[in-house]
C-alpha atoms as a PDB file:
ATOM      1  CA  MET A   1       0.039  -0.017  -0.198  1.00  0.00           C
ATOM      2  CA  SER A   2       0.841   3.561  -0.633  1.00  0.00           C
ATOM      3  CA  LYS A   3       0.664   6.944   1.100  1.00  0.00           C
ATOM      4  CA  ALA A   4      -1.832   9.875  -0.335  1.00  0.00           C
ATOM      5  CA  ILE A   5      -2.047  13.341   0.649  1.00  0.00           C
ATOM      6  CA  CYS A   6      -5.288  14.766  -0.317  1.00  0.00           C
ATOM      7  CA  ASN A   7      -6.941  18.052  -0.437  1.00  0.00           C
ATOM      8  CA  THR A   8     -10.124  19.580  -0.513  1.00  0.00           C
ATOM      9  CA  SER A   9     -11.777  17.891  -3.890  1.00  0.00           C
ATOM     10  CA  PRO A  10     -11.520  14.324  -3.912  1.00  0.00           C
ATOM     11  CA  LEU A  11     -12.498  14.011   0.205  1.00  0.00           C
ATOM     12  CA  LEU A  12     -15.390  16.275  -1.014  1.00  0.00           C
ATOM     13  CA  PHE A  13     -16.536  14.160  -3.972  1.00  0.00           C
ATOM     14  CA  LEU A  14     -16.012  10.833  -2.232  1.00  0.00           C
ATOM     15  CA  TYR A  15     -18.277  11.621   0.866  1.00  0.00           C
ATOM     16  CA  ARG A  16     -20.650  12.699  -1.322  1.00  0.00           C
ATOM     17  CA  ILE A  17     -21.212   9.325  -3.124  1.00  0.00           C
ATOM     18  CA  ASP A  18     -20.533   8.050  -0.169  1.00  0.00           C
ATOM     19  CA  ALA A  19     -16.745   6.513  -1.100  1.00  0.00           C
ATOM     20  CA  LEU A  20     -14.864   8.292   1.778  1.00  0.00           C
ATOM     21  CA  SER A  21     -14.481   4.868   3.545  1.00  0.00           C
ATOM     22  CA  TRP A  22     -12.429   3.784   0.724  1.00  0.00           C
ATOM     23  CA  MET A  23      -9.524   5.791   1.616  1.00  0.00           C
ATOM     24  CA  PRO A  24      -8.024   3.825   4.264  1.00  0.00           C
ATOM     25  CA  LYS A  25      -8.147   0.475   2.200  1.00  0.00           C
ATOM     26  CA  LEU A  26      -6.673   1.805  -0.652  1.00  0.00           C
ATOM     27  CA  PHE A  27      -3.948   3.877   1.462  1.00  0.00           C
ATOM     28  CA  ASN A  28      -1.930   2.912   4.233  1.00  0.00           C
ATOM     29  CA  GLU A  29      -1.304   6.251   5.449  1.00  0.00           C
ATOM     30  CA  ILE A  30      -3.871   9.695   4.334  1.00  0.00           C
ATOM     31  CA  TRP A  31      -2.766  13.218   5.033  1.00  0.00           C
ATOM     32  CA  ALA A  32      -4.624  16.054   4.464  1.00  0.00           C
ATOM     33  CA  PRO A  33      -3.482  19.721   5.606  1.00  0.00           C
ATOM     34  CA  THR A  34      -5.323  21.751   8.376  1.00  0.00           C
ATOM     35  CA  ALA A  35      -6.644  24.753   5.817  1.00  0.00           C
ATOM     36  CA  VAL A  36      -8.351  21.473   4.346  1.00  0.00           C
ATOM     37  CA  VAL A  37     -10.075  20.714   7.791  1.00  0.00           C
ATOM     38  CA  GLU A  38     -10.707  24.713   8.270  1.00  0.00           C
ATOM     39  CA  GLU A  39     -12.762  24.755   4.469  1.00  0.00           C
ATOM     40  CA  PHE A  40     -14.448  21.880   5.488  1.00  0.00           C
ATOM     41  CA  GLN A  41     -15.633  23.018   8.869  1.00  0.00           C
ATOM     42  CA  GLN A  42     -16.401  26.547   7.185  1.00  0.00           C
ATOM     43  CA  GLY A  43     -18.995  24.440   4.947  1.00  0.00           C
ATOM     44  CA  LEU A  44     -20.461  22.960   7.860  1.00  0.00           C
ATOM     45  CA  LYS A  45     -20.913  25.891   9.757  1.00  0.00           C
ATOM     46  CA  LYS A  46     -22.591  27.122   6.097  1.00  0.00           C
ATOM     47  CA  GLY A  47     -25.082  24.449   6.954  1.00  0.00           C
ATOM     48  CA  TYR A  48     -23.292  22.293   3.587  1.00  0.00           C
ATOM     49  CA  SER A  49     -23.320  18.585   2.896  1.00  0.00           C
ATOM     50  CA  VAL A  50     -19.674  17.965   3.745  1.00  0.00           C
ATOM     51  CA  PRO A  51     -17.439  15.533   5.903  1.00  0.00           C
ATOM     52  CA  ASN A  52     -16.122  16.495   9.415  1.00  0.00           C
ATOM     53  CA  LEU A  53     -12.609  15.506   8.760  1.00  0.00           C
ATOM     54  CA  LEU A  54     -11.737  15.367  12.456  1.00  0.00           C
ATOM     55  CA  GLU A  55     -14.324  12.588  12.876  1.00  0.00           C
ATOM     56  CA  TYR A  56     -12.028  10.448  10.505  1.00  0.00           C
ATOM     57  CA  LYS A  57      -9.246   8.609  12.784  1.00  0.00           C
ATOM     58  CA  TRP A  58      -7.236   7.375   9.971  1.00  0.00           C
ATOM     59  CA  LEU A  59      -6.729  10.933   8.257  1.00  0.00           C
ATOM     60  CA  LYS A  60      -3.409  12.787   9.660  1.00  0.00           C
ATOM     61  CA  ILE A  61      -3.902  16.517   9.499  1.00  0.00           C
ATOM     62  CA  ILE A  62      -0.660  18.274   8.555  1.00  0.00           C
ATOM     63  CA  ASP A  63       0.685  21.624   8.828  1.00  0.00           C
ATOM     64  CA  PRO A  64       3.306  21.817   5.909  1.00  0.00           C
ATOM     65  CA  LYS A  65       6.347  24.019   6.552  1.00  0.00           C
ATOM     66  CA  SER A  66       6.569  25.873   3.249  1.00  0.00           C
ATOM     67  CA  VAL A  67       4.967  26.649  -0.267  1.00  0.00           C
ATOM     68  CA  PRO A  68       6.767  27.145  -3.054  1.00  0.00           C
ATOM     69  CA  SER A  69       6.317  30.966  -4.535  1.00  0.00           C
ATOM     70  CA  GLU A  70       5.540  29.709  -7.728  1.00  0.00           C
ATOM     71  CA  TRP A  71       2.260  28.188  -6.303  1.00  0.00           C
ATOM     72  CA  LEU A  72       1.218  31.355  -4.579  1.00  0.00           C
ATOM     73  CA  SER A  73       0.709  33.009  -8.231  1.00  0.00           C
ATOM     74  CA  LYS A  74      -1.683  30.250  -8.973  1.00  0.00           C
ATOM     75  CA  ASP A  75      -5.382  30.772  -8.123  1.00  0.00           C
ATOM     76  CA  LEU A  76      -5.578  28.200  -5.880  1.00  0.00           C
ATOM     77  CA  GLY A  77      -6.743  27.900  -2.548  1.00  0.00           C
ATOM     78  CA  LYS A  78      -5.067  27.131   0.558  1.00  0.00           C
ATOM     79  CA  GLY A  79      -6.537  23.531   0.756  1.00  0.00           C
ATOM     80  CA  GLU A  80      -5.400  23.127  -2.641  1.00  0.00           C
ATOM     81  CA  LEU A  81      -1.683  24.083  -2.115  1.00  0.00           C
ATOM     82  CA  MET A  82      -0.328  20.653  -1.971  1.00  0.00           C
ATOM     83  CA  TYR A  83       3.285  20.612  -0.708  1.00  0.00           C
ATOM     84  CA  TRP A  84       5.764  18.002   1.116  1.00  0.00           C
ATOM     85  CA  LEU A  85       7.066  18.804   4.665  1.00  0.00           C
END
């Protein structure tokens, strides 16, 4: 098995088709940045049907140390800026 780093979109779409439970069956480690958790928490507060990532024990929440400067010029949300620790 391998590791996965996930941003908002795959987690949201898997949740919407009731397939988020597949993640720990496919990967032995699954990481998501804190920014992704924050995006979903904002959605929950607004009443959207989104997962509460804090409930998934198999998901490791990470805080990356840096962002390559060329990525900052893209039109990406904090949850989509995926980078290595």
